[in-house]
Amino acid sequence: MDSDQVPTRRGFLTGASAVGAMALAGCVTTRLSVSAPNVDDSPVFDSFSVANDVVWGNDAAQVKATLTDAATTDEMVRELSAISSFGSDAWTGMVSGGQTSVSMYLPVGTDLTVHAFNHSAEPVDSQPLRVGGNSFP
């Protein structure tokens, strides 16, 4: 290796600091909250809560959906799906018989509708939902 190819300490530190700055760049969202205005009328959903306090960059917030006692028995819910107001699928997950809660990873600041489907893939319930927070660049 000739002297032109040997990394210098200054070059190494410059490169390392550039990589570190890029890794820390982006926004952070704090004080996460979830709003589900019609949950009291739901035969499937008992409540929604935010499981994590901070979201970095474009990461999704972890939202816990607590299901009613009748969700997997009487209503036979077997799948949940969160759809954005633009019609794109934000999250989909399966529900087992007797399951009482589901963790969903949902985008922050997007209007969503969480749909519940039974074992025959028929819709059982849908709930409007929004995860909010304070974003800082």
C-alpha atoms as a PDB file:
ATOM      1  CA  MET A   1       0.000   0.000   0.000  1.00  0.00           C
ATOM      2  CA  ASP A   2       1.500   3.344  -0.920  1.00  0.00           C
ATOM      3  CA  SER A   3       1.128   6.482   1.184  1.00  0.00           C
ATOM      4  CA  ASP A   4      -1.835   7.736  -0.883  1.00  0.00           C
ATOM      5  CA  GLN A   5      -3.905   4.689   0.130  1.00  0.00           C
ATOM      6  CA  VAL A   6      -3.097   4.653   3.858  1.00  0.00           C
ATOM      7  CA  PRO A   7      -6.013   6.118   5.805  1.00  0.00           C
ATOM      8  CA  THR A   8      -5.034   9.057   7.974  1.00  0.00           C
ATOM      9  CA  ARG A   9      -6.378   9.690  11.433  1.00  0.00           C
ATOM     10  CA  ARG A  10      -8.006  12.917  10.241  1.00  0.00           C
ATOM     11  CA  GLY A  11      -9.694  11.092   7.339  1.00  0.00           C
ATOM     12  CA  PHE A  12     -10.931   8.362   9.648  1.00  0.00           C
ATOM     13  CA  LEU A  13     -12.354  10.839  12.176  1.00  0.00           C
ATOM     14  CA  THR A  14     -13.996  12.895   9.420  1.00  0.00           C
ATOM     15  CA  GLY A  15     -15.630   9.796   7.960  1.00  0.00           C
ATOM     16  CA  ALA A  16     -16.737   8.499  11.358  1.00  0.00           C
ATOM     17  CA  SER A  17     -18.287  11.834  12.323  1.00  0.00           C
ATOM     18  CA  ALA A  18     -20.131  12.038   8.989  1.00  0.00           C
ATOM     19  CA  VAL A  19     -21.570   8.555   9.493  1.00  0.00           C
ATOM     20  CA  GLY A  20     -22.553   9.439  13.070  1.00  0.00           C
ATOM     21  CA  ALA A  21     -24.254  12.647  11.987  1.00  0.00           C
ATOM     22  CA  MET A  22     -26.259  10.795   9.344  1.00  0.00           C
ATOM     23  CA  ALA A  23     -27.297   8.152  11.866  1.00  0.00           C
ATOM     24  CA  LEU A  24     -28.557  10.799  14.283  1.00  0.00           C
ATOM     25  CA  ALA A  25     -30.233  12.907  11.596  1.00  0.00           C
ATOM     26  CA  GLY A  26     -33.973  12.847  11.132  1.00  0.00           C
ATOM     27  CA  CYS A  27     -36.797  13.615  13.442  1.00  0.00           C
ATOM     28  CA  VAL A  28     -37.940  12.263  16.743  1.00  0.00           C
ATOM     29  CA  THR A  29     -41.567  12.086  17.864  1.00  0.00           C
ATOM     30  CA  THR A  30     -42.346  12.190  21.569  1.00  0.00           C
ATOM     31  CA  ARG A  31     -45.442  12.352  23.782  1.00  0.00           C
ATOM     32  CA  LEU A  32     -47.218   9.754  21.670  1.00  0.00           C
ATOM     33  CA  SER A  33     -50.960   9.349  22.049  1.00  0.00           C
ATOM     34  CA  VAL A  34     -53.699   7.410  20.320  1.00  0.00           C
ATOM     35  CA  SER A  35     -57.216   8.595  19.562  1.00  0.00           C
ATOM     36  CA  ALA A  36     -60.046   6.148  18.883  1.00  0.00           C
ATOM     37  CA  PRO A  37     -63.268   8.160  19.255  1.00  0.00           C
ATOM     38  CA  ASN A  38     -65.752   5.316  18.614  1.00  0.00           C
ATOM     39  CA  VAL A  39     -64.165   2.563  20.697  1.00  0.00           C
ATOM     40  CA  ASP A  40     -66.912   2.683  23.351  1.00  0.00           C
ATOM     41  CA  ASP A  41     -69.444   1.382  20.802  1.00  0.00           C
ATOM     42  CA  SER A  42     -67.260  -1.481  19.544  1.00  0.00           C
ATOM     43  CA  PRO A  43     -68.123  -5.182  19.929  1.00  0.00           C
ATOM     44  CA  VAL A  44     -64.439  -6.019  19.234  1.00  0.00           C
ATOM     45  CA  PHE A  45     -62.168  -3.300  20.634  1.00  0.00           C
ATOM     46  CA  ASP A  46     -62.086  -2.391  24.306  1.00  0.00           C
ATOM     47  CA  SER A  47     -59.296   0.201  24.090  1.00  0.00           C
ATOM     48  CA  PHE A  48     -56.167   1.345  22.260  1.00  0.00           C
ATOM     49  CA  SER A  49     -52.981   2.523  23.970  1.00  0.00           C
ATOM     50  CA  VAL A  50     -49.476   3.531  22.938  1.00  0.00           C
ATOM     51  CA  ALA A  51     -46.832   1.039  24.071  1.00  0.00           C
ATOM     52  CA  ASN A  52     -43.693   3.111  23.337  1.00  0.00           C
ATOM     53  CA  ASP A  53     -42.944   6.717  24.269  1.00  0.00           C
ATOM     54  CA  VAL A  54     -40.636   7.824  21.466  1.00  0.00           C
ATOM     55  CA  VAL A  55     -40.454   7.175  17.722  1.00  0.00           C
ATOM     56  CA  TRP A  56     -37.257   7.915  15.761  1.00  0.00           C
ATOM     57  CA  GLY A  57     -37.385   8.945  12.115  1.00  0.00           C
ATOM     58  CA  ASN A  58     -39.963   7.050  10.096  1.00  0.00           C
ATOM     59  CA  ASP A  59     -40.419   4.256  12.613  1.00  0.00           C
ATOM     60  CA  ALA A  60     -43.936   3.199  13.509  1.00  0.00           C
ATOM     61  CA  ALA A  61     -45.431   3.531  16.962  1.00  0.00           C
ATOM     62  CA  GLN A  62     -46.321   0.364  18.821  1.00  0.00           C
ATOM     63  CA  VAL A  63     -50.041   0.481  19.617  1.00  0.00           C
ATOM     64  CA  LYS A  64     -51.745  -2.085  21.829  1.00  0.00           C
ATOM     65  CA  ALA A  65     -55.339  -2.968  20.946  1.00  0.00           C
ATOM     66  CA  THR A  66     -57.175  -4.525  23.874  1.00  0.00           C
ATOM     67  CA  LEU A  67     -60.013  -6.743  22.681  1.00  0.00           C
ATOM     68  CA  THR A  68     -63.401  -7.299  24.292  1.00  0.00           C
ATOM     69  CA  ASP A  69     -64.210 -10.672  25.842  1.00  0.00           C
ATOM     70  CA  ALA A  70     -66.539 -11.397  22.904  1.00  0.00           C
ATOM     71  CA  ALA A  71     -64.040 -10.468  20.160  1.00  0.00           C
ATOM     72  CA  THR A  72     -62.613 -13.930  19.517  1.00  0.00           C
ATOM     73  CA  THR A  73     -65.549 -15.959  20.853  1.00  0.00           C
ATOM     74  CA  ASP A  74     -68.901 -14.477  19.835  1.00  0.00           C
ATOM     75  CA  GLU A  75     -67.526 -12.286  17.017  1.00  0.00           C
ATOM     76  CA  MET A  76     -64.884 -14.893  15.986  1.00  0.00           C
ATOM     77  CA  VAL A  77     -62.313 -12.222  15.026  1.00  0.00           C
ATOM     78  CA  ARG A  78     -59.236 -13.768  13.403  1.00  0.00           C
ATOM     79  CA  GLU A  79     -57.577 -10.837  11.606  1.00  0.00           C
ATOM     80  CA  LEU A  80     -57.002  -7.125  12.149  1.00  0.00           C
ATOM     81  CA  SER A  81     -55.925  -4.736   9.436  1.00  0.00           C
ATOM     82  CA  ALA A  82     -55.064  -1.027   9.644  1.00  0.00           C
ATOM     83  CA  ILE A  83     -55.728   0.905   6.442  1.00  0.00           C
ATOM     84  CA  SER A  84     -54.641   4.521   5.898  1.00  0.00           C
ATOM     85  CA  SER A  85     -57.040   7.174   4.637  1.00  0.00           C
ATOM     86  CA  PHE A  86     -55.192   6.869   1.295  1.00  0.00           C
ATOM     87  CA  GLY A  87     -56.257   3.222   1.058  1.00  0.00           C
ATOM     88  CA  SER A  88     -52.846   1.679   1.674  1.00  0.00           C
ATOM     89  CA  ASP A  89     -52.342  -1.228   4.058  1.00  0.00           C
ATOM     90  CA  ALA A  90     -50.438   0.070   7.116  1.00  0.00           C
ATOM     91  CA  TRP A  91     -50.461  -3.132   9.193  1.00  0.00           C
ATOM     92  CA  THR A  92     -52.120  -6.579   9.203  1.00  0.00           C
ATOM     93  CA  GLY A  93     -52.028  -9.287  11.859  1.00  0.00           C
ATOM     94  CA  MET A  94     -53.707 -12.519  12.859  1.00  0.00           C
ATOM     95  CA  VAL A  95     -55.713 -13.045  16.060  1.00  0.00           C
ATOM     96  CA  SER A  96     -55.956 -16.384  17.843  1.00  0.00           C
ATOM     97  CA  GLY A  97     -59.012 -17.670  19.689  1.00  0.00           C
ATOM     98  CA  GLY A  98     -58.963 -16.365  23.265  1.00  0.00           C
ATOM     99  CA  GLN A  99     -56.409 -13.630  22.519  1.00  0.00           C
ATOM    100  CA  THR A 100     -57.116 -10.469  24.543  1.00  0.00           C
ATOM    101  CA  SER A 101     -54.686  -7.966  23.021  1.00  0.00           C
ATOM    102  CA  VAL A 102     -52.736  -7.308  19.834  1.00  0.00           C
ATOM    103  CA  SER A 103     -49.624  -5.166  19.258  1.00  0.00           C
ATOM    104  CA  MET A 104     -49.757  -3.180  16.043  1.00  0.00           C
ATOM    105  CA  TYR A 105     -47.026  -1.027  14.510  1.00  0.00           C
ATOM    106  CA  LEU A 106     -48.725   2.044  13.062  1.00  0.00           C
ATOM    107  CA  PRO A 107     -47.512   5.241  11.405  1.00  0.00           C
ATOM    108  CA  VAL A 108     -47.653   8.457  13.419  1.00  0.00           C
ATOM    109  CA  GLY A 109     -49.754  11.354  12.142  1.00  0.00           C
ATOM    110  CA  THR A 110     -51.838   9.331   9.695  1.00  0.00           C
ATOM    111  CA  ASP A 111     -55.589   8.821   9.810  1.00  0.00           C
ATOM    112  CA  LEU A 112     -56.247   5.079   9.904  1.00  0.00           C
ATOM    113  CA  THR A 113     -59.158   2.684  10.145  1.00  0.00           C
ATOM    114  CA  VAL A 114     -58.591  -0.592  11.979  1.00  0.00           C
ATOM    115  CA  HIS A 115     -60.766  -3.359  10.549  1.00  0.00           C
ATOM    116  CA  ALA A 116     -61.625  -6.631  12.288  1.00  0.00           C
ATOM    117  CA  PHE A 117     -62.468  -9.705  10.192  1.00  0.00           C
ATOM    118  CA  ASN A 118     -63.935 -13.024  11.317  1.00  0.00           C
ATOM    119  CA  HIS A 119     -62.815 -16.550  10.410  1.00  0.00           C
ATOM    120  CA  SER A 120     -64.689 -16.273   7.092  1.00  0.00           C
ATOM    121  CA  ALA A 121     -62.909 -12.987   6.217  1.00  0.00           C
ATOM    122  CA  GLU A 122     -66.149 -11.046   6.691  1.00  0.00           C
ATOM    123  CA  PRO A 123     -65.889  -7.592   8.306  1.00  0.00           C
ATOM    124  CA  VAL A 124     -67.009  -7.493  11.937  1.00  0.00           C
ATOM    125  CA  ASP A 125     -66.055  -3.984  13.037  1.00  0.00           C
ATOM    126  CA  SER A 126     -63.994  -0.964  12.021  1.00  0.00           C
ATOM    127  CA  GLN A 127     -62.610   1.824  14.170  1.00  0.00           C
ATOM    128  CA  PRO A 128     -61.111   5.153  13.129  1.00  0.00           C
ATOM    129  CA  LEU A 129     -57.740   5.669  14.786  1.00  0.00           C
ATOM    130  CA  ARG A 130     -54.957   8.253  14.840  1.00  0.00           C
ATOM    131  CA  VAL A 131     -51.553   8.081  16.514  1.00  0.00           C
ATOM    132  CA  GLY A 132     -50.242  11.543  17.318  1.00  0.00           C
ATOM    133  CA  GLY A 133     -47.247  13.127  18.982  1.00  0.00           C
ATOM    134  CA  ASN A 134     -44.832  16.048  18.989  1.00  0.00           C
ATOM    135  CA  SER A 135     -42.249  15.847  16.189  1.00  0.00           C
ATOM    136  CA  PHE A 136     -38.896  17.581  16.303  1.00  0.00           C
ATOM    137  CA  PRO A 137     -36.463  17.808  13.384  1.00  0.00           C
END
